[in-house]
């Protein structure tokens, strides 16, 4: 993807950046950061733009760490589910083989029963 060069205003300061991401995406991210900083600045008159930027960075870092832990947990859970599925498939394959064997045995027993009935004196046919 081609690099995009844009100027963004975050916290009242213009930043010129270069990114490989789509322009609209970068603008949405910058606007979210800007809104978060404005909310932080409006929440306390004693906070400077630098402090608001730091608090915003901490908030995003915290969210990213929690999302990473959550995604790791989901990956582990999915792996467990896939392992369970593999075990179930193995059980199904064994049961399928057992069914085939039992059908074969039933067929043999029916054949033997027919032979016994045919060779048995006084048996009604």
N, C-alpha and C. Protein backbone atom coordinates (compact mmCIF):
# COMPACT_ATOMS: atom_id res chain seq x y z
N UNK A 1 0.85 -1.18 0.00
CA UNK A 1 0.00 0.00 0.00
C UNK A 1 0.89 1.24 0.00
N UNK A 2 0.47 2.28 -0.65
CA UNK A 2 1.24 3.52 -0.74
C UNK A 2 1.15 4.28 0.58
N UNK A 3 2.21 4.98 0.89
CA UNK A 3 2.23 5.79 2.11
C UNK A 3 1.39 7.05 1.88
N UNK A 4 0.66 7.42 2.92
CA UNK A 4 -0.17 8.61 2.87
C UNK A 4 0.43 9.63 3.85
N UNK A 5 0.47 10.85 3.44
CA UNK A 5 0.99 11.91 4.30
C UNK A 5 -0.18 12.82 4.66
N UNK A 6 -0.41 13.03 5.97
CA UNK A 6 -1.51 13.86 6.39
C UNK A 6 -1.14 14.74 7.57
N UNK A 7 -1.92 15.80 7.71
CA UNK A 7 -1.77 16.67 8.87
C UNK A 7 -3.00 16.47 9.75
N UNK A 8 -2.76 16.18 11.02
CA UNK A 8 -3.83 15.91 11.97
C UNK A 8 -3.75 16.91 13.10
N UNK A 9 -4.90 17.31 13.64
CA UNK A 9 -4.92 18.20 14.79
C UNK A 9 -5.40 17.40 15.98
N UNK A 10 -4.50 17.27 16.95
CA UNK A 10 -4.84 16.53 18.17
C UNK A 10 -4.48 17.42 19.36
N UNK A 11 -5.46 17.70 20.17
CA UNK A 11 -5.22 18.53 21.35
C UNK A 11 -4.77 19.93 21.00
N UNK A 12 -5.21 20.43 19.85
CA UNK A 12 -4.86 21.78 19.43
C UNK A 12 -3.50 21.90 18.78
N UNK A 13 -2.83 20.79 18.56
CA UNK A 13 -1.50 20.81 17.93
C UNK A 13 -1.58 20.05 16.61
N UNK A 14 -1.00 20.62 15.57
CA UNK A 14 -0.97 19.95 14.26
C UNK A 14 0.22 18.99 14.20
N UNK A 15 -0.06 17.80 13.71
CA UNK A 15 0.97 16.78 13.51
C UNK A 15 0.92 16.35 12.06
N UNK A 16 2.05 16.35 11.39
CA UNK A 16 2.13 15.83 10.03
C UNK A 16 2.74 14.45 10.14
N UNK A 17 1.97 13.47 9.66
CA UNK A 17 2.44 12.09 9.77
C UNK A 17 2.39 11.41 8.40
N UNK A 18 3.11 10.32 8.32
CA UNK A 18 3.12 9.48 7.13
C UNK A 18 2.68 8.09 7.58
N UNK A 19 1.77 7.49 6.85
CA UNK A 19 1.23 6.20 7.26
C UNK A 19 0.93 5.33 6.05
N UNK A 20 0.97 4.04 6.25
CA UNK A 20 0.56 3.10 5.21
C UNK A 20 -0.92 2.74 5.34
N UNK A 21 -1.54 3.19 6.41
CA UNK A 21 -2.96 2.94 6.62
C UNK A 21 -3.78 3.86 5.71
N UNK A 22 -5.05 3.51 5.51
CA UNK A 22 -5.92 4.36 4.72
C UNK A 22 -6.16 5.68 5.43
N UNK A 23 -6.25 6.75 4.66
CA UNK A 23 -6.37 8.09 5.21
C UNK A 23 -7.57 8.22 6.15
N UNK A 24 -8.72 7.70 5.75
CA UNK A 24 -9.92 7.81 6.58
C UNK A 24 -9.73 7.10 7.92
N UNK A 25 -9.06 5.98 7.90
CA UNK A 25 -8.81 5.24 9.14
C UNK A 25 -7.94 6.08 10.08
N UNK A 26 -6.86 6.63 9.56
CA UNK A 26 -5.96 7.45 10.38
C UNK A 26 -6.70 8.66 10.94
N UNK A 27 -7.54 9.26 10.14
CA UNK A 27 -8.32 10.42 10.61
C UNK A 27 -9.27 10.02 11.73
N UNK A 28 -9.91 8.85 11.61
CA UNK A 28 -10.84 8.39 12.66
C UNK A 28 -10.08 8.12 13.96
N UNK A 29 -8.90 7.52 13.85
CA UNK A 29 -8.09 7.25 15.05
C UNK A 29 -7.68 8.56 15.70
N UNK A 30 -7.20 9.50 14.89
CA UNK A 30 -6.78 10.80 15.41
C UNK A 30 -7.95 11.53 16.08
N UNK A 31 -9.12 11.46 15.48
CA UNK A 31 -10.30 12.12 16.06
C UNK A 31 -10.67 11.49 17.40
N UNK A 32 -10.55 10.16 17.49
CA UNK A 32 -10.84 9.50 18.77
C UNK A 32 -9.86 9.94 19.84
N UNK A 33 -8.58 10.00 19.50
CA UNK A 33 -7.57 10.46 20.46
C UNK A 33 -7.84 11.90 20.86
N UNK A 34 -8.16 12.74 19.88
CA UNK A 34 -8.46 14.14 20.15
C UNK A 34 -9.65 14.28 21.09
N UNK A 35 -10.72 13.53 20.83
CA UNK A 35 -11.90 13.60 21.69
C UNK A 35 -11.58 13.14 23.11
N UNK A 36 -10.76 12.10 23.23
CA UNK A 36 -10.37 11.60 24.55
C UNK A 36 -9.56 12.65 25.29
N UNK A 37 -8.64 13.31 24.59
CA UNK A 37 -7.84 14.36 25.22
C UNK A 37 -8.71 15.53 25.64
N UNK A 38 -9.65 15.93 24.78
CA UNK A 38 -10.56 17.04 25.12
C UNK A 38 -11.37 16.69 26.36
N UNK A 39 -11.87 15.47 26.42
CA UNK A 39 -12.65 15.02 27.59
C UNK A 39 -11.79 15.09 28.85
N UNK A 40 -10.53 14.65 28.72
CA UNK A 40 -9.62 14.69 29.87
C UNK A 40 -9.33 16.13 30.29
N UNK A 41 -9.06 17.00 29.31
CA UNK A 41 -8.78 18.41 29.60
C UNK A 41 -9.99 19.10 30.23
N UNK A 42 -11.18 18.80 29.73
CA UNK A 42 -12.40 19.42 30.25
C UNK A 42 -12.74 18.91 31.65
N UNK A 43 -12.23 17.74 31.99
CA UNK A 43 -12.54 17.15 33.29
C UNK A 43 -11.75 17.78 34.43
N UNK A 44 -10.66 18.50 34.12
CA UNK A 44 -9.84 19.09 35.17
C UNK A 44 -9.06 20.28 34.59
N UNK A 45 -9.34 21.44 35.10
CA UNK A 45 -8.72 22.67 34.58
C UNK A 45 -7.22 22.72 34.83
N UNK A 46 -6.70 21.96 35.77
CA UNK A 46 -5.29 22.01 36.13
C UNK A 46 -4.42 21.11 35.25
N UNK A 47 -5.04 20.35 34.36
CA UNK A 47 -4.29 19.42 33.51
C UNK A 47 -3.80 20.14 32.26
N UNK A 48 -2.53 19.93 31.96
CA UNK A 48 -1.95 20.51 30.74
C UNK A 48 -2.20 19.55 29.58
N UNK A 49 -1.93 20.04 28.38
CA UNK A 49 -2.08 19.19 27.19
C UNK A 49 -1.15 17.99 27.27
N UNK A 50 0.05 18.20 27.80
CA UNK A 50 1.00 17.08 27.94
C UNK A 50 0.46 16.05 28.92
N UNK A 51 -0.10 16.52 30.03
CA UNK A 51 -0.67 15.59 31.01
C UNK A 51 -1.86 14.84 30.40
N UNK A 52 -2.69 15.55 29.64
CA UNK A 52 -3.85 14.92 29.00
C UNK A 52 -3.38 13.88 27.99
N UNK A 53 -2.32 14.20 27.24
CA UNK A 53 -1.77 13.24 26.28
C UNK A 53 -1.24 12.01 26.99
N UNK A 54 -0.57 12.23 28.11
CA UNK A 54 -0.02 11.10 28.88
C UNK A 54 -1.15 10.24 29.43
N UNK A 55 -2.16 10.86 30.00
CA UNK A 55 -3.30 10.10 30.53
C UNK A 55 -4.03 9.34 29.42
N UNK A 56 -4.16 9.98 28.27
CA UNK A 56 -4.80 9.33 27.12
C UNK A 56 -3.96 8.14 26.67
N UNK A 57 -2.65 8.32 26.61
CA UNK A 57 -1.76 7.22 26.22
C UNK A 57 -1.86 6.06 27.22
N UNK A 58 -1.92 6.38 28.52
CA UNK A 58 -2.07 5.33 29.54
C UNK A 58 -3.39 4.58 29.37
N UNK A 59 -4.45 5.32 29.09
CA UNK A 59 -5.76 4.70 28.90
C UNK A 59 -5.75 3.74 27.71
N UNK A 60 -5.16 4.19 26.58
CA UNK A 60 -5.09 3.34 25.40
C UNK A 60 -4.17 2.15 25.60
N UNK A 61 -3.07 2.37 26.30
CA UNK A 61 -2.14 1.27 26.58
C UNK A 61 -2.82 0.22 27.47
N UNK A 62 -3.53 0.69 28.48
CA UNK A 62 -4.27 -0.22 29.36
C UNK A 62 -5.29 -1.03 28.56
N UNK A 63 -6.04 -0.35 27.70
CA UNK A 63 -7.05 -1.04 26.88
C UNK A 63 -6.39 -2.05 25.95
N UNK A 64 -5.24 -1.68 25.37
CA UNK A 64 -4.54 -2.60 24.45
C UNK A 64 -4.04 -3.83 25.20
N UNK A 65 -3.48 -3.63 26.40
CA UNK A 65 -2.99 -4.77 27.20
C UNK A 65 -4.15 -5.70 27.56
N UNK A 66 -5.26 -5.13 28.00
CA UNK A 66 -6.42 -5.95 28.36
C UNK A 66 -6.97 -6.68 27.15
N UNK A 67 -6.99 -6.02 26.00
CA UNK A 67 -7.46 -6.67 24.77
C UNK A 67 -6.53 -7.80 24.37
N UNK A 68 -5.23 -7.60 24.57
CA UNK A 68 -4.26 -8.64 24.25
C UNK A 68 -4.45 -9.87 25.14
N UNK A 69 -4.64 -9.64 26.43
CA UNK A 69 -4.89 -10.76 27.35
C UNK A 69 -6.18 -11.46 26.97
N UNK A 70 -7.21 -10.67 26.66
CA UNK A 70 -8.49 -11.25 26.27
C UNK A 70 -8.36 -12.08 25.00
N UNK A 71 -7.63 -11.57 24.01
CA UNK A 71 -7.47 -12.32 22.76
C UNK A 71 -6.64 -13.58 22.99
N UNK A 72 -5.64 -13.51 23.88
CA UNK A 72 -4.86 -14.71 24.22
C UNK A 72 -5.76 -15.76 24.86
N UNK A 73 -6.65 -15.30 25.76
CA UNK A 73 -7.59 -16.23 26.40
C UNK A 73 -8.53 -16.85 25.37
N UNK A 74 -9.01 -16.04 24.43
CA UNK A 74 -9.90 -16.55 23.39
C UNK A 74 -9.18 -17.56 22.51
N UNK A 75 -7.90 -17.26 22.16
CA UNK A 75 -7.13 -18.21 21.36
C UNK A 75 -6.98 -19.55 22.09
N UNK A 76 -6.67 -19.48 23.38
CA UNK A 76 -6.52 -20.71 24.18
C UNK A 76 -7.85 -21.47 24.23
N UNK A 77 -8.94 -20.74 24.40
CA UNK A 77 -10.26 -21.38 24.44
C UNK A 77 -10.59 -22.03 23.10
N UNK A 78 -10.30 -21.34 22.01
CA UNK A 78 -10.54 -21.90 20.67
C UNK A 78 -9.69 -23.14 20.46
N UNK A 79 -8.43 -23.09 20.90
CA UNK A 79 -7.55 -24.26 20.78
C UNK A 79 -8.15 -25.44 21.54
N UNK A 80 -8.64 -25.18 22.74
CA UNK A 80 -9.27 -26.26 23.52
C UNK A 80 -10.49 -26.82 22.79
N UNK A 81 -11.29 -25.94 22.20
CA UNK A 81 -12.46 -26.40 21.45
C UNK A 81 -12.03 -27.24 20.24
N UNK A 82 -10.98 -26.80 19.55
CA UNK A 82 -10.49 -27.56 18.40
C UNK A 82 -9.94 -28.92 18.82
N UNK A 83 -9.25 -28.95 19.97
CA UNK A 83 -8.76 -30.23 20.50
C UNK A 83 -9.94 -31.15 20.85
N UNK A 84 -10.98 -30.56 21.46
CA UNK A 84 -12.18 -31.34 21.78
C UNK A 84 -12.81 -31.90 20.50
N UNK A 85 -12.90 -31.07 19.48
CA UNK A 85 -13.49 -31.50 18.21
C UNK A 85 -12.68 -32.64 17.61
N UNK A 86 -11.35 -32.52 17.66
CA UNK A 86 -10.50 -33.59 17.13
C UNK A 86 -10.74 -34.88 17.90
N UNK A 87 -10.89 -34.77 19.22
CA UNK A 87 -11.20 -35.96 20.04
C UNK A 87 -12.54 -36.56 19.68
N UNK A 88 -13.54 -35.71 19.46
CA UNK A 88 -14.87 -36.19 19.08
C UNK A 88 -14.83 -36.87 17.72
N UNK A 89 -14.06 -36.30 16.79
CA UNK A 89 -13.94 -36.91 15.46
C UNK A 89 -13.31 -38.29 15.57
N UNK A 90 -12.31 -38.40 16.42
CA UNK A 90 -11.66 -39.69 16.63
C UNK A 90 -12.65 -40.70 17.21
N UNK A 91 -13.44 -40.25 18.17
CA UNK A 91 -14.46 -41.13 18.76
C UNK A 91 -15.48 -41.55 17.71
N UNK A 92 -15.89 -40.62 16.87
CA UNK A 92 -16.86 -40.93 15.82
C UNK A 92 -16.29 -41.95 14.85
N UNK A 93 -15.02 -41.77 14.48
CA UNK A 93 -14.39 -42.73 13.56
C UNK A 93 -14.36 -44.12 14.19
N UNK A 94 -14.01 -44.21 15.49
CA UNK A 94 -14.00 -45.52 16.17
C UNK A 94 -15.41 -46.11 16.20
N UNK A 95 -16.40 -45.28 16.49
CA UNK A 95 -17.79 -45.76 16.56
C UNK A 95 -18.27 -46.19 15.17
N UNK A 96 -17.87 -45.44 14.14
CA UNK A 96 -18.24 -45.83 12.77
C UNK A 96 -17.68 -47.20 12.43
N UNK A 97 -16.41 -47.43 12.80
CA UNK A 97 -15.79 -48.74 12.55
C UNK A 97 -16.51 -49.84 13.33
N UNK A 98 -16.90 -49.50 14.56
CA UNK A 98 -17.63 -50.46 15.38
C UNK A 98 -18.98 -50.79 14.75
N UNK A 99 -19.67 -49.79 14.24
CA UNK A 99 -20.97 -50.00 13.58
C UNK A 99 -20.78 -50.91 12.36
N UNK A 100 -19.76 -50.64 11.57
CA UNK A 100 -19.49 -51.46 10.38
C UNK A 100 -19.23 -52.91 10.80
N UNK A 101 -18.42 -53.08 11.83
CA UNK A 101 -18.13 -54.42 12.33
C UNK A 101 -19.39 -55.12 12.83
N UNK A 102 -20.21 -54.39 13.59
CA UNK A 102 -21.44 -54.97 14.12
C UNK A 102 -22.43 -55.32 13.00
N UNK A 103 -22.50 -54.49 11.97
CA UNK A 103 -23.37 -54.80 10.84
C UNK A 103 -22.91 -56.06 10.13
N UNK A 104 -21.60 -56.18 9.99
CA UNK A 104 -21.06 -57.38 9.36
C UNK A 104 -21.37 -58.61 10.20
N UNK A 105 -21.23 -58.48 11.52
CA UNK A 105 -21.53 -59.59 12.42
C UNK A 105 -23.01 -59.96 12.36
N UNK A 106 -23.89 -58.97 12.31
CA UNK A 106 -25.32 -59.22 12.22
C UNK A 106 -25.64 -59.94 10.91
N UNK A 107 -24.99 -59.50 9.83
CA UNK A 107 -25.22 -60.14 8.53
C UNK A 107 -24.80 -61.61 8.59
N UNK A 108 -23.63 -61.88 9.19
CA UNK A 108 -23.16 -63.28 9.32
C UNK A 108 -24.12 -64.09 10.16
N UNK A 109 -24.58 -63.51 11.27
CA UNK A 109 -25.50 -64.24 12.14
C UNK A 109 -26.83 -64.52 11.45
N UNK A 110 -27.31 -63.60 10.64
CA UNK A 110 -28.55 -63.83 9.90
C UNK A 110 -28.37 -64.96 8.89
N UNK A 111 -27.20 -64.95 8.25
CA UNK A 111 -26.91 -66.01 7.29
C UNK A 111 -26.88 -67.36 8.00
N UNK A 112 -26.20 -67.44 9.15
CA UNK A 112 -26.14 -68.69 9.92
C UNK A 112 -27.53 -69.12 10.39
N UNK A 113 -28.33 -68.13 10.79
CA UNK A 113 -29.69 -68.44 11.24
C UNK A 113 -30.51 -69.02 10.10
N UNK A 114 -30.38 -68.44 8.91
CA UNK A 114 -31.10 -68.97 7.75
C UNK A 114 -30.65 -70.39 7.47
N UNK A 115 -29.34 -70.64 7.56
CA UNK A 115 -28.81 -71.98 7.31
C UNK A 115 -29.34 -72.96 8.35
N UNK A 116 -29.35 -72.55 9.59
CA UNK A 116 -29.85 -73.42 10.66
C UNK A 116 -31.34 -73.73 10.46
N UNK A 117 -32.09 -72.74 10.09
CA UNK A 117 -33.52 -72.94 9.85
C UNK A 117 -33.73 -73.87 8.66
N UNK A 118 -32.89 -73.69 7.64
CA UNK A 118 -33.03 -74.51 6.44
C UNK A 118 -32.64 -75.95 6.72
N UNK A 119 -31.69 -76.19 7.59
CA UNK A 119 -31.20 -77.55 7.87
C UNK A 119 -31.92 -78.19 9.06
N UNK A 120 -32.75 -77.47 9.72
CA UNK A 120 -33.41 -77.98 10.89
C UNK A 120 -34.68 -78.74 10.48
N UNK A 121 -34.82 -80.03 10.92
CA UNK A 121 -36.02 -80.79 10.55
C UNK A 121 -37.26 -80.25 11.28
N UNK A 122 -38.34 -80.26 10.61
CA UNK A 122 -39.61 -79.87 11.18
C UNK A 122 -39.77 -78.36 11.32
N UNK A 123 -38.82 -77.61 10.86
CA UNK A 123 -38.89 -76.14 10.96
C UNK A 123 -39.80 -75.62 9.87
N UNK A 124 -40.71 -74.81 10.23
CA UNK A 124 -41.60 -74.21 9.23
C UNK A 124 -40.82 -73.14 8.48
N UNK A 125 -40.99 -73.19 7.16
CA UNK A 125 -40.26 -72.21 6.35
C UNK A 125 -41.16 -71.20 5.75
